[in-house]
């Protein structure tokens, strides 16, 4: 299931916890969507976005090669078998990217643009960063501030991280293997099949550019 396929009203919040991971894998594994492609442009923001899309495409090519090598996840098998498959894929990806670090995909230039997009989307739909933070604490399963997220680490689905549809639509679309989550103030890029953190954008809900943000093509 791609991020852009989630077309529901902006007043609804999507949640995913540990109990839904198998169902999420069923949906994502059944999708054969190709890696995303966009045309490069000359503005710094568009250049940063084009570089991000290239990096995502490269990552997905690697992911699919490794997943074919270790064996695709069989969602009809036992939970233990699924967990072993997830762990095997995560191990293979970590071995391929041993020096992966925060900012490899979410570069500083891109981070500025993504923060503006997130906050602009919230503003346009009458939401605030506080609304996202409250929704993320609604289940009270665990306090996100007590969990240390790191690139190449396992994403803790128990966080039940929430995403507003308007925020999903404001972010660059992703192939089915990857998804976004907001945890606390941070935007996290997750490899769903491997339950692996690919990158983290800190302070994604705070950016002064919100006052200057506007949808593409709109001139003020």
N, C-alpha and C. Protein backbone atom coordinates (compact mmCIF):
# COMPACT_ATOMS: atom_id res chain seq x y z
N UNK A 1 0.85 -1.19 0.00
CA UNK A 1 0.00 0.00 0.00
C UNK A 1 0.88 1.22 0.00
N UNK A 2 0.78 2.07 -0.97
CA UNK A 2 1.60 3.27 -1.06
C UNK A 2 1.01 4.37 -0.21
N UNK A 3 1.88 5.33 0.11
CA UNK A 3 1.41 6.45 0.91
C UNK A 3 0.30 7.20 0.21
N UNK A 4 0.40 7.35 -1.11
CA UNK A 4 -0.56 8.17 -1.83
C UNK A 4 -1.88 7.47 -2.03
N UNK A 5 -1.96 6.16 -1.71
CA UNK A 5 -3.23 5.46 -1.87
C UNK A 5 -4.17 5.67 -0.71
N UNK A 6 -3.65 6.31 0.35
CA UNK A 6 -4.48 6.53 1.53
C UNK A 6 -5.28 7.81 1.34
N UNK A 7 -6.43 7.71 0.70
CA UNK A 7 -7.25 8.87 0.40
C UNK A 7 -8.48 8.85 1.30
N UNK A 8 -8.35 9.44 2.46
CA UNK A 8 -9.48 9.54 3.38
C UNK A 8 -9.56 10.97 3.85
N UNK A 9 -10.63 11.32 4.55
CA UNK A 9 -10.81 12.70 5.00
C UNK A 9 -9.68 13.11 5.92
N UNK A 10 -9.30 14.37 5.83
CA UNK A 10 -8.16 14.87 6.58
C UNK A 10 -8.41 14.88 8.07
N UNK A 11 -9.65 14.77 8.49
CA UNK A 11 -9.95 14.79 9.92
C UNK A 11 -9.76 13.43 10.55
N UNK A 12 -9.43 12.41 9.75
CA UNK A 12 -9.20 11.10 10.29
C UNK A 12 -7.71 10.88 10.49
N UNK A 13 -7.37 10.06 11.49
CA UNK A 13 -5.99 9.75 11.79
C UNK A 13 -5.77 8.26 11.56
N UNK A 14 -4.66 7.91 10.89
CA UNK A 14 -4.35 6.51 10.62
C UNK A 14 -3.35 6.04 11.66
N UNK A 15 -3.63 4.88 12.27
CA UNK A 15 -2.74 4.34 13.28
C UNK A 15 -2.33 2.93 12.91
N UNK A 16 -1.08 2.60 13.29
CA UNK A 16 -0.58 1.26 13.03
C UNK A 16 0.20 0.82 14.26
N UNK A 17 -0.20 -0.27 14.87
CA UNK A 17 0.50 -0.81 16.02
C UNK A 17 1.01 -2.20 15.71
N UNK A 18 1.47 -2.89 16.74
CA UNK A 18 2.06 -4.20 16.54
C UNK A 18 1.05 -5.19 16.00
N UNK A 19 -0.20 -5.07 16.39
CA UNK A 19 -1.19 -6.05 15.98
C UNK A 19 -1.55 -5.92 14.51
N UNK A 20 -1.25 -4.80 13.89
CA UNK A 20 -1.62 -4.61 12.49
C UNK A 20 -0.46 -4.82 11.54
N UNK A 21 0.71 -5.19 12.06
CA UNK A 21 1.88 -5.28 11.20
C UNK A 21 1.70 -6.37 10.15
N UNK A 22 1.15 -7.52 10.53
CA UNK A 22 0.96 -8.59 9.55
C UNK A 22 0.01 -8.16 8.44
N UNK A 23 -1.07 -7.47 8.83
CA UNK A 23 -2.00 -6.97 7.81
C UNK A 23 -1.37 -5.93 6.93
N UNK A 24 -0.53 -5.09 7.50
CA UNK A 24 0.17 -4.07 6.73
C UNK A 24 1.11 -4.72 5.73
N UNK A 25 1.80 -5.78 6.16
CA UNK A 25 2.68 -6.50 5.25
C UNK A 25 1.90 -7.14 4.12
N UNK A 26 0.72 -7.68 4.42
CA UNK A 26 -0.10 -8.29 3.38
C UNK A 26 -0.43 -7.28 2.30
N UNK A 27 -0.77 -6.06 2.71
CA UNK A 27 -1.14 -5.04 1.74
C UNK A 27 0.06 -4.56 0.95
N UNK A 28 1.18 -4.36 1.62
CA UNK A 28 2.35 -3.82 0.93
C UNK A 28 2.99 -4.85 0.02
N UNK A 29 3.00 -6.10 0.46
CA UNK A 29 3.63 -7.14 -0.35
C UNK A 29 2.83 -7.45 -1.60
N UNK A 30 1.53 -7.17 -1.56
CA UNK A 30 0.70 -7.44 -2.73
C UNK A 30 0.80 -6.35 -3.77
N UNK A 31 1.50 -5.26 -3.42
CA UNK A 31 1.61 -4.14 -4.35
C UNK A 31 2.92 -4.24 -5.11
N UNK A 32 2.85 -4.07 -6.41
CA UNK A 32 4.05 -4.13 -7.22
C UNK A 32 4.42 -2.76 -7.76
N UNK A 33 4.09 -1.70 -7.01
CA UNK A 33 4.31 -0.36 -7.52
C UNK A 33 5.79 -0.12 -7.77
N UNK A 34 6.13 0.51 -8.88
CA UNK A 34 7.54 0.77 -9.19
C UNK A 34 8.07 1.90 -8.33
N UNK A 35 9.37 2.04 -8.31
CA UNK A 35 9.98 3.15 -7.61
C UNK A 35 9.53 4.46 -8.25
N UNK A 36 9.50 5.51 -7.43
CA UNK A 36 8.96 6.78 -7.88
C UNK A 36 9.96 7.50 -8.76
N UNK A 37 9.48 8.24 -9.75
CA UNK A 37 10.36 9.00 -10.63
C UNK A 37 9.81 10.40 -10.82
N UNK A 38 10.68 11.40 -10.75
CA UNK A 38 10.30 12.77 -11.03
C UNK A 38 11.38 13.41 -11.87
N UNK A 39 11.02 14.48 -12.53
CA UNK A 39 12.00 15.21 -13.35
C UNK A 39 12.72 16.22 -12.48
N UNK A 40 14.02 16.30 -12.68
CA UNK A 40 14.81 17.26 -11.93
C UNK A 40 14.55 18.66 -12.45
N UNK A 41 14.58 19.63 -11.54
CA UNK A 41 14.41 21.02 -11.91
C UNK A 41 15.58 21.81 -11.33
N UNK A 42 15.58 23.12 -11.56
CA UNK A 42 16.74 23.91 -11.23
C UNK A 42 16.70 24.55 -9.85
N UNK A 43 15.52 24.72 -9.25
CA UNK A 43 15.47 25.38 -7.96
C UNK A 43 16.12 24.48 -6.90
N UNK A 44 16.71 25.07 -5.84
CA UNK A 44 17.34 24.26 -4.79
C UNK A 44 16.38 23.25 -4.17
N UNK A 45 15.13 23.66 -3.95
CA UNK A 45 14.15 22.75 -3.36
C UNK A 45 13.89 21.58 -4.29
N UNK A 46 13.74 21.85 -5.59
CA UNK A 46 13.49 20.77 -6.54
C UNK A 46 14.72 19.88 -6.74
N UNK A 47 15.89 20.48 -6.67
CA UNK A 47 17.11 19.68 -6.75
C UNK A 47 17.22 18.73 -5.56
N UNK A 48 16.90 19.26 -4.36
CA UNK A 48 16.92 18.42 -3.16
C UNK A 48 15.90 17.30 -3.27
N UNK A 49 14.71 17.62 -3.81
CA UNK A 49 13.67 16.62 -3.96
C UNK A 49 14.08 15.55 -4.98
N UNK A 50 14.69 15.98 -6.09
CA UNK A 50 15.13 15.03 -7.10
C UNK A 50 16.21 14.10 -6.54
N UNK A 51 17.12 14.65 -5.74
CA UNK A 51 18.16 13.82 -5.12
C UNK A 51 17.54 12.81 -4.16
N UNK A 52 16.51 13.24 -3.44
CA UNK A 52 15.81 12.34 -2.52
C UNK A 52 15.14 11.20 -3.27
N UNK A 53 14.47 11.52 -4.36
CA UNK A 53 13.80 10.49 -5.16
C UNK A 53 14.82 9.50 -5.71
N UNK A 54 15.96 10.00 -6.16
CA UNK A 54 17.01 9.10 -6.65
C UNK A 54 17.49 8.17 -5.52
N UNK A 55 17.67 8.74 -4.32
CA UNK A 55 18.13 7.94 -3.19
C UNK A 55 17.09 6.89 -2.80
N UNK A 56 15.81 7.27 -2.83
CA UNK A 56 14.74 6.32 -2.54
C UNK A 56 14.74 5.20 -3.57
N UNK A 57 14.85 5.56 -4.84
CA UNK A 57 14.88 4.56 -5.90
C UNK A 57 16.05 3.59 -5.72
N UNK A 58 17.24 4.13 -5.40
CA UNK A 58 18.40 3.28 -5.18
C UNK A 58 18.17 2.34 -4.01
N UNK A 59 17.58 2.87 -2.95
CA UNK A 59 17.31 2.04 -1.77
C UNK A 59 16.36 0.90 -2.12
N UNK A 60 15.31 1.20 -2.87
CA UNK A 60 14.30 0.19 -3.19
C UNK A 60 14.88 -0.89 -4.11
N UNK A 61 15.75 -0.50 -5.04
CA UNK A 61 16.41 -1.49 -5.89
C UNK A 61 17.21 -2.45 -5.01
N UNK A 62 17.96 -1.90 -4.05
CA UNK A 62 18.72 -2.73 -3.12
C UNK A 62 17.80 -3.61 -2.30
N UNK A 63 16.73 -3.03 -1.77
CA UNK A 63 15.77 -3.77 -0.94
C UNK A 63 15.22 -4.98 -1.70
N UNK A 64 14.79 -4.77 -2.93
CA UNK A 64 14.18 -5.85 -3.69
C UNK A 64 15.19 -6.94 -4.03
N UNK A 65 16.43 -6.52 -4.31
CA UNK A 65 17.47 -7.52 -4.59
C UNK A 65 17.73 -8.38 -3.36
N UNK A 66 17.84 -7.75 -2.19
CA UNK A 66 18.11 -8.49 -0.97
C UNK A 66 16.91 -9.34 -0.55
N UNK A 67 15.72 -8.81 -0.75
CA UNK A 67 14.53 -9.57 -0.38
C UNK A 67 14.39 -10.82 -1.25
N UNK A 68 14.74 -10.71 -2.51
CA UNK A 68 14.72 -11.88 -3.38
C UNK A 68 15.77 -12.90 -2.94
N UNK A 69 16.90 -12.40 -2.42
CA UNK A 69 17.98 -13.29 -2.01
C UNK A 69 17.66 -14.04 -0.71
N UNK A 70 17.10 -13.34 0.27
CA UNK A 70 16.82 -13.98 1.56
C UNK A 70 15.47 -14.67 1.58
N UNK A 71 14.63 -14.36 0.60
CA UNK A 71 13.30 -14.96 0.55
C UNK A 71 12.24 -13.97 0.99
N UNK A 72 11.21 -13.83 0.18
CA UNK A 72 10.14 -12.90 0.50
C UNK A 72 9.33 -13.40 1.68
N UNK A 73 8.74 -12.46 2.41
CA UNK A 73 7.95 -12.80 3.59
C UNK A 73 6.66 -13.49 3.17
N UNK A 74 6.39 -14.63 3.79
CA UNK A 74 5.14 -15.36 3.55
C UNK A 74 4.17 -15.02 4.67
N UNK A 75 3.18 -14.18 4.35
CA UNK A 75 2.27 -13.72 5.40
C UNK A 75 1.31 -14.83 5.84
N UNK A 76 1.33 -15.97 5.16
CA UNK A 76 0.49 -17.09 5.57
C UNK A 76 1.21 -18.02 6.54
N UNK A 77 2.47 -17.75 6.81
CA UNK A 77 3.23 -18.60 7.73
C UNK A 77 2.98 -18.17 9.16
N UNK A 78 3.65 -18.82 10.09
CA UNK A 78 3.45 -18.54 11.51
C UNK A 78 4.09 -17.21 11.88
N UNK A 79 3.64 -16.58 12.98
CA UNK A 79 4.27 -15.33 13.42
C UNK A 79 5.77 -15.45 13.62
N UNK A 80 6.22 -16.59 14.16
CA UNK A 80 7.66 -16.78 14.36
C UNK A 80 8.40 -16.78 13.03
N UNK A 81 7.82 -17.42 12.03
CA UNK A 81 8.44 -17.47 10.71
C UNK A 81 8.48 -16.08 10.08
N UNK A 82 7.39 -15.33 10.23
CA UNK A 82 7.35 -13.96 9.70
C UNK A 82 8.41 -13.12 10.37
N UNK A 83 8.52 -13.24 11.69
CA UNK A 83 9.52 -12.46 12.41
C UNK A 83 10.93 -12.82 11.98
N UNK A 84 11.17 -14.10 11.71
CA UNK A 84 12.50 -14.52 11.24
C UNK A 84 12.80 -13.93 9.86
N UNK A 85 11.79 -13.89 9.00
CA UNK A 85 11.97 -13.31 7.67
C UNK A 85 12.25 -11.82 7.76
N UNK A 86 11.51 -11.13 8.62
CA UNK A 86 11.73 -9.70 8.82
C UNK A 86 13.15 -9.45 9.33
N UNK A 87 13.58 -10.24 10.31
CA UNK A 87 14.92 -10.08 10.88
C UNK A 87 15.99 -10.38 9.85
N UNK A 88 15.78 -11.40 9.01
CA UNK A 88 16.78 -11.74 7.99
C UNK A 88 16.93 -10.61 6.98
N UNK A 89 15.82 -10.02 6.57
CA UNK A 89 15.89 -8.91 5.62
C UNK A 89 16.56 -7.71 6.25
N UNK A 90 16.22 -7.41 7.49
CA UNK A 90 16.83 -6.27 8.18
C UNK A 90 18.34 -6.47 8.32
N UNK A 91 18.75 -7.69 8.65
CA UNK A 91 20.18 -7.99 8.77
C UNK A 91 20.90 -7.79 7.44
N UNK A 92 20.28 -8.24 6.37
CA UNK A 92 20.89 -8.10 5.04
C UNK A 92 21.01 -6.63 4.65
N UNK A 93 20.00 -5.83 4.96
CA UNK A 93 20.04 -4.40 4.63
C UNK A 93 21.11 -3.69 5.45
N UNK A 94 21.19 -4.03 6.73
CA UNK A 94 22.22 -3.40 7.58
C UNK A 94 23.62 -3.74 7.07
N UNK A 95 23.80 -4.98 6.60
CA UNK A 95 25.11 -5.37 6.07
C UNK A 95 25.43 -4.60 4.80
N UNK A 96 24.41 -4.29 4.01
CA UNK A 96 24.60 -3.52 2.77
C UNK A 96 24.84 -2.04 3.06
N UNK A 97 24.26 -1.54 4.16
CA UNK A 97 24.39 -0.12 4.51
C UNK A 97 24.96 0.02 5.93
N UNK A 98 26.16 -0.49 6.17
CA UNK A 98 26.68 -0.49 7.55
C UNK A 98 26.96 0.90 8.10
N UNK A 99 27.17 1.86 7.21
CA UNK A 99 27.51 3.21 7.66
C UNK A 99 26.34 4.19 7.47
N UNK A 100 25.14 3.65 7.30
CA UNK A 100 23.97 4.52 7.14
C UNK A 100 23.84 5.44 8.35
N UNK A 101 23.52 6.70 8.08
CA UNK A 101 23.40 7.64 9.19
C UNK A 101 22.27 8.62 8.90
N UNK A 102 21.86 9.29 9.95
CA UNK A 102 20.78 10.26 9.83
C UNK A 102 21.18 11.37 8.86
N UNK A 103 20.27 11.66 7.92
CA UNK A 103 20.52 12.71 6.94
C UNK A 103 20.97 12.18 5.59
N UNK A 104 21.15 10.85 5.46
CA UNK A 104 21.55 10.30 4.17
C UNK A 104 20.49 10.56 3.10
N UNK A 105 19.22 10.38 3.46
CA UNK A 105 18.12 10.65 2.53
C UNK A 105 17.46 11.98 2.85
N UNK A 106 17.20 12.23 4.12
CA UNK A 106 16.62 13.50 4.55
C UNK A 106 17.75 14.52 4.73
N UNK A 107 18.27 15.00 3.62
CA UNK A 107 19.38 15.95 3.67
C UNK A 107 18.92 17.27 4.29
N UNK A 108 19.86 18.12 4.72
CA UNK A 108 19.45 19.41 5.30
C UNK A 108 18.57 20.23 4.36
N UNK A 109 18.93 20.28 3.07
CA UNK A 109 18.13 21.05 2.12
C UNK A 109 16.73 20.46 1.98
N UNK A 110 16.65 19.15 1.93
CA UNK A 110 15.34 18.51 1.82
C UNK A 110 14.56 18.66 3.11
N UNK A 111 15.23 18.57 4.25
CA UNK A 111 14.55 18.70 5.53
C UNK A 111 13.82 20.02 5.66
N UNK A 112 14.43 21.08 5.21
CA UNK A 112 13.81 22.41 5.25
C UNK A 112 12.51 22.40 4.43
N UNK A 113 12.55 21.78 3.26
CA UNK A 113 11.37 21.71 2.40
C UNK A 113 10.28 20.83 3.00
N UNK A 114 10.66 19.69 3.56
CA UNK A 114 9.66 18.79 4.13
C UNK A 114 8.99 19.40 5.36
N UNK A 115 9.75 20.08 6.20
CA UNK A 115 9.14 20.75 7.35
C UNK A 115 8.12 21.79 6.89
N UNK A 116 8.49 22.53 5.86
CA UNK A 116 7.56 23.54 5.34
C UNK A 116 6.31 22.88 4.78
N UNK A 117 6.46 21.77 4.08
CA UNK A 117 5.31 21.08 3.51
C UNK A 117 4.38 20.54 4.60
N UNK A 118 4.98 19.93 5.62
CA UNK A 118 4.18 19.36 6.71
C UNK A 118 3.39 20.45 7.41
N UNK A 119 4.09 21.50 7.81
CA UNK A 119 3.41 22.56 8.54
C UNK A 119 2.43 23.32 7.67
N UNK A 120 2.77 23.48 6.38
CA UNK A 120 1.83 24.12 5.48
C UNK A 120 0.57 23.31 5.29
N UNK A 121 0.70 21.98 5.19
CA UNK A 121 -0.47 21.12 5.05
C UNK A 121 -1.35 21.19 6.29
N UNK A 122 -0.73 21.19 7.46
CA UNK A 122 -1.52 21.29 8.69
C UNK A 122 -2.25 22.62 8.75
N UNK A 123 -1.55 23.70 8.41
CA UNK A 123 -2.16 25.02 8.44
C UNK A 123 -3.32 25.11 7.46
N UNK A 124 -3.14 24.55 6.27
CA UNK A 124 -4.16 24.61 5.24
C UNK A 124 -5.43 23.87 5.65
N UNK A 125 -5.28 22.82 6.45
CA UNK A 125 -6.43 22.01 6.86
C UNK A 125 -6.89 22.32 8.28
N UNK A 126 -6.37 23.38 8.87
CA UNK A 126 -6.85 23.81 10.18
C UNK A 126 -6.29 23.03 11.35
N UNK A 127 -5.17 22.33 11.15
CA UNK A 127 -4.55 21.58 12.22
C UNK A 127 -3.29 22.31 12.71
N UNK A 128 -2.79 21.86 13.85
CA UNK A 128 -1.52 22.36 14.37
C UNK A 128 -0.63 21.18 14.70
N UNK A 129 0.65 21.48 14.97
CA UNK A 129 1.56 20.42 15.39
C UNK A 129 1.06 19.77 16.67
N UNK A 130 0.43 20.55 17.54
CA UNK A 130 -0.10 20.01 18.79
C UNK A 130 -1.16 18.95 18.55
N UNK A 131 -1.93 19.10 17.47
CA UNK A 131 -2.95 18.09 17.13
C UNK A 131 -2.29 16.75 16.83
N UNK A 132 -1.19 16.78 16.09
CA UNK A 132 -0.49 15.53 15.78
C UNK A 132 0.11 14.93 17.05
N UNK A 133 0.69 15.76 17.89
CA UNK A 133 1.30 15.26 19.11
C UNK A 133 0.26 14.63 20.02
N UNK A 134 -0.91 15.27 20.12
CA UNK A 134 -1.98 14.69 20.95
C UNK A 134 -2.46 13.36 20.38
N UNK A 135 -2.61 13.29 19.07
CA UNK A 135 -3.10 12.05 18.45
C UNK A 135 -2.08 10.92 18.64
N UNK A 136 -0.82 11.27 18.64
CA UNK A 136 0.20 10.25 18.83
C UNK A 136 0.25 9.71 20.24
N UNK A 137 -0.30 10.46 21.20
CA UNK A 137 -0.32 10.00 22.58
C UNK A 137 -1.66 9.37 22.97
N UNK A 138 -2.60 9.33 22.02
CA UNK A 138 -3.95 8.90 22.37
C UNK A 138 -3.99 7.48 22.91
N UNK A 139 -3.20 6.57 22.35
CA UNK A 139 -3.24 5.18 22.80
C UNK A 139 -2.48 4.96 24.10
N UNK A 140 -1.55 5.86 24.40
CA UNK A 140 -0.78 5.80 25.63
C UNK A 140 -0.11 4.45 25.84
N UNK A 141 0.30 3.82 24.73
CA UNK A 141 0.99 2.55 24.85
C UNK A 141 2.39 2.74 25.42
N UNK A 142 3.03 3.80 24.98
CA UNK A 142 4.38 4.09 25.43
C UNK A 142 4.68 5.55 25.15
N UNK A 143 5.49 6.16 25.95
CA UNK A 143 5.87 7.55 25.75
C UNK A 143 6.97 7.61 24.70
N UNK A 144 6.71 8.25 23.53
CA UNK A 144 7.74 8.30 22.48
C UNK A 144 9.05 8.91 22.94
N UNK A 145 8.98 9.81 23.94
CA UNK A 145 10.20 10.47 24.39
C UNK A 145 11.15 9.51 25.10
N UNK A 146 10.65 8.35 25.51
CA UNK A 146 11.49 7.38 26.19
C UNK A 146 12.16 6.40 25.22
N UNK A 147 11.80 6.48 23.95
CA UNK A 147 12.34 5.56 22.94
C UNK A 147 13.37 6.29 22.09
N UNK A 148 14.55 5.72 21.96
CA UNK A 148 15.59 6.32 21.15
C UNK A 148 15.58 5.68 19.76
N UNK A 149 15.13 6.44 18.79
CA UNK A 149 15.11 5.95 17.41
C UNK A 149 16.46 6.23 16.75
N UNK A 150 16.93 5.28 15.95
CA UNK A 150 18.19 5.49 15.25
C UNK A 150 18.14 4.81 13.89
N UNK A 151 18.86 5.41 12.94
CA UNK A 151 18.94 4.85 11.59
C UNK A 151 19.55 3.45 11.65
N UNK A 152 18.97 2.54 10.88
CA UNK A 152 19.35 1.13 10.86
C UNK A 152 18.83 0.37 12.08
N UNK A 153 18.12 1.04 12.95
CA UNK A 153 17.52 0.37 14.09
C UNK A 153 16.15 -0.17 13.74
N UNK A 154 15.61 -1.01 14.61
CA UNK A 154 14.28 -1.57 14.42
C UNK A 154 13.23 -0.53 14.82
N UNK A 155 12.22 -0.36 13.97
CA UNK A 155 11.16 0.57 14.32
C UNK A 155 10.20 -0.09 15.30
N UNK A 156 9.97 0.53 16.46
CA UNK A 156 9.07 -0.06 17.46
C UNK A 156 7.61 0.23 17.14
N UNK A 157 6.92 -0.71 16.51
CA UNK A 157 5.54 -0.49 16.11
C UNK A 157 4.61 -0.25 17.29
N UNK A 158 5.07 -0.59 18.48
CA UNK A 158 4.25 -0.35 19.66
C UNK A 158 3.97 1.13 19.87
N UNK A 159 4.77 1.99 19.20
CA UNK A 159 4.54 3.43 19.32
C UNK A 159 3.20 3.84 18.71
N UNK A 160 2.62 3.00 17.86
CA UNK A 160 1.34 3.31 17.22
C UNK A 160 1.38 4.71 16.61
N UNK A 161 2.47 5.00 15.90
CA UNK A 161 2.66 6.33 15.32
C UNK A 161 1.52 6.69 14.39
N UNK A 162 1.09 7.95 14.44
CA UNK A 162 -0.06 8.41 13.67
C UNK A 162 0.38 9.27 12.49
N UNK A 163 -0.43 9.24 11.44
CA UNK A 163 -0.21 10.10 10.28
C UNK A 163 -1.53 10.71 9.85
N UNK A 164 -1.56 12.02 9.66
CA UNK A 164 -2.74 12.68 9.12
C UNK A 164 -2.69 12.55 7.60
N UNK A 165 -3.81 12.21 6.96
CA UNK A 165 -3.81 12.09 5.50
C UNK A 165 -3.31 13.33 4.78
N UNK A 166 -3.62 14.52 5.29
CA UNK A 166 -3.16 15.73 4.61
C UNK A 166 -1.64 15.84 4.64
N UNK A 167 -1.01 15.29 5.69
CA UNK A 167 0.45 15.30 5.77
C UNK A 167 1.04 14.30 4.79
N UNK A 168 0.42 13.12 4.71
CA UNK A 168 0.88 12.11 3.75
C UNK A 168 0.87 12.68 2.34
N UNK A 169 -0.22 13.37 1.99
CA UNK A 169 -0.36 13.91 0.64
C UNK A 169 0.65 15.02 0.37
N UNK A 170 1.12 15.71 1.40
CA UNK A 170 2.09 16.80 1.22
C UNK A 170 3.51 16.28 1.03
N UNK A 171 3.77 15.05 1.43
CA UNK A 171 5.11 14.49 1.36
C UNK A 171 5.34 13.78 0.01
N UNK A 172 6.60 13.63 -0.39
CA UNK A 172 6.87 12.92 -1.65
C UNK A 172 6.33 11.50 -1.58
N UNK A 173 5.69 11.01 -2.65
CA UNK A 173 5.15 9.65 -2.64
C UNK A 173 6.27 8.62 -2.55
N UNK A 174 5.91 7.45 -2.02
CA UNK A 174 6.89 6.40 -1.80
C UNK A 174 6.47 5.10 -2.47
N UNK A 175 7.44 4.26 -2.86
CA UNK A 175 7.10 2.91 -3.28
C UNK A 175 6.56 2.11 -2.09
N UNK A 176 5.97 0.97 -2.36
CA UNK A 176 5.23 0.24 -1.33
C UNK A 176 6.10 -0.26 -0.18
N UNK A 177 7.40 -0.40 -0.42
CA UNK A 177 8.27 -0.92 0.64
C UNK A 177 8.51 0.09 1.76
N UNK A 178 8.28 1.37 1.49
CA UNK A 178 8.61 2.43 2.45
C UNK A 178 7.36 3.19 2.87
N UNK A 179 7.38 3.68 4.10
CA UNK A 179 6.30 4.53 4.59
C UNK A 179 6.85 5.57 5.56
N UNK A 180 6.08 6.64 5.74
CA UNK A 180 6.41 7.68 6.70
C UNK A 180 5.65 7.45 8.01
N UNK A 181 6.27 7.86 9.11
CA UNK A 181 5.58 7.97 10.39
C UNK A 181 6.11 9.21 11.11
N UNK A 182 5.25 9.85 11.87
CA UNK A 182 5.68 10.93 12.75
C UNK A 182 5.67 10.39 14.17
N UNK A 183 6.82 10.45 14.81
CA UNK A 183 6.97 10.00 16.19
C UNK A 183 7.46 11.18 17.01
N UNK A 184 6.65 11.62 17.95
CA UNK A 184 6.98 12.85 18.65
C UNK A 184 7.02 14.00 17.66
N UNK A 185 8.15 14.68 17.57
CA UNK A 185 8.32 15.78 16.61
C UNK A 185 9.02 15.34 15.34
N UNK A 186 9.42 14.07 15.26
CA UNK A 186 10.29 13.63 14.17
C UNK A 186 9.51 12.90 13.08
N UNK A 187 9.99 13.07 11.84
CA UNK A 187 9.47 12.30 10.71
C UNK A 187 10.42 11.12 10.49
N UNK A 188 9.85 9.92 10.44
CA UNK A 188 10.66 8.70 10.31
C UNK A 188 10.32 8.03 8.98
N UNK A 189 11.35 7.64 8.24
CA UNK A 189 11.18 6.87 7.01
C UNK A 189 11.46 5.41 7.36
N UNK A 190 10.47 4.53 7.09
CA UNK A 190 10.54 3.14 7.55
C UNK A 190 10.49 2.18 6.37
N UNK A 191 11.35 1.18 6.41
CA UNK A 191 11.23 0.04 5.52
C UNK A 191 10.24 -0.91 6.19
N UNK A 192 9.03 -0.99 5.64
CA UNK A 192 7.95 -1.73 6.30
C UNK A 192 8.24 -3.22 6.35
N UNK A 193 8.76 -3.79 5.26
CA UNK A 193 9.01 -5.23 5.22
C UNK A 193 10.06 -5.65 6.25
N UNK A 194 11.04 -4.77 6.49
CA UNK A 194 12.13 -5.09 7.39
C UNK A 194 11.96 -4.47 8.77
N UNK A 195 10.90 -3.69 8.97
CA UNK A 195 10.69 -2.96 10.22
C UNK A 195 11.95 -2.18 10.60
N UNK A 196 12.54 -1.54 9.58
CA UNK A 196 13.84 -0.89 9.74
C UNK A 196 13.72 0.61 9.53
N UNK A 197 14.39 1.37 10.37
CA UNK A 197 14.41 2.83 10.23
C UNK A 197 15.45 3.20 9.18
N UNK A 198 15.00 3.81 8.09
CA UNK A 198 15.89 4.18 6.99
C UNK A 198 16.49 5.56 7.22
N UNK A 199 15.68 6.50 7.72
CA UNK A 199 16.19 7.83 8.03
C UNK A 199 15.22 8.53 8.98
N UNK A 200 15.71 9.59 9.59
CA UNK A 200 14.92 10.37 10.56
C UNK A 200 15.13 11.84 10.28
N UNK A 201 14.03 12.59 10.22
CA UNK A 201 14.10 14.04 10.11
C UNK A 201 13.67 14.62 11.45
N UNK A 202 14.61 15.15 12.24
CA UNK A 202 14.24 15.68 13.56
C UNK A 202 13.48 17.00 13.44
N UNK A 203 12.65 17.25 14.44
CA UNK A 203 11.90 18.51 14.52
C UNK A 203 11.10 18.78 13.26
N UNK A 204 10.45 17.75 12.74
CA UNK A 204 9.68 17.91 11.51
C UNK A 204 8.44 18.77 11.71
N UNK A 205 8.02 18.95 12.95
CA UNK A 205 6.82 19.73 13.23
C UNK A 205 7.14 21.17 13.64
N UNK A 206 8.35 21.59 13.41
CA UNK A 206 8.71 22.96 13.77
C UNK A 206 9.55 23.58 12.66
N UNK A 207 8.99 24.64 12.03
CA UNK A 207 9.76 25.30 10.97
C UNK A 207 9.21 26.69 10.74
N UNK A 208 10.07 27.69 10.71
CA UNK A 208 9.61 29.06 10.54
C UNK A 208 9.07 29.31 9.15
N UNK A 209 9.36 28.44 8.19
CA UNK A 209 8.90 28.66 6.83
C UNK A 209 7.40 28.45 6.69
N UNK A 210 6.72 28.01 7.75
CA UNK A 210 5.28 27.79 7.64
C UNK A 210 4.55 29.05 7.19
N UNK A 211 5.04 30.21 7.61
CA UNK A 211 4.37 31.45 7.25
C UNK A 211 4.53 31.77 5.77
N UNK A 212 5.56 31.22 5.15
CA UNK A 212 5.81 31.49 3.74
C UNK A 212 5.41 30.34 2.83
N UNK A 213 4.91 29.25 3.43
CA UNK A 213 4.57 28.07 2.63
C UNK A 213 3.33 28.33 1.78
N UNK A 214 3.32 27.79 0.59
CA UNK A 214 2.13 27.86 -0.25
C UNK A 214 2.11 26.64 -1.17
N UNK A 215 0.94 26.17 -1.53
CA UNK A 215 0.89 25.02 -2.45
C UNK A 215 1.57 25.37 -3.75
N UNK A 216 2.17 24.36 -4.40
CA UNK A 216 2.89 24.58 -5.65
C UNK A 216 1.97 25.20 -6.69
N UNK A 217 2.46 26.22 -7.36
CA UNK A 217 1.68 26.86 -8.41
C UNK A 217 0.85 28.04 -7.94
N UNK A 218 0.79 28.24 -6.61
CA UNK A 218 0.00 29.36 -6.08
C UNK A 218 0.94 30.53 -5.84
N UNK A 219 0.61 31.68 -6.37
CA UNK A 219 1.44 32.87 -6.23
C UNK A 219 0.75 33.85 -5.31
N UNK A 220 1.50 34.35 -4.33
CA UNK A 220 0.94 35.35 -3.41
C UNK A 220 1.50 36.74 -3.74
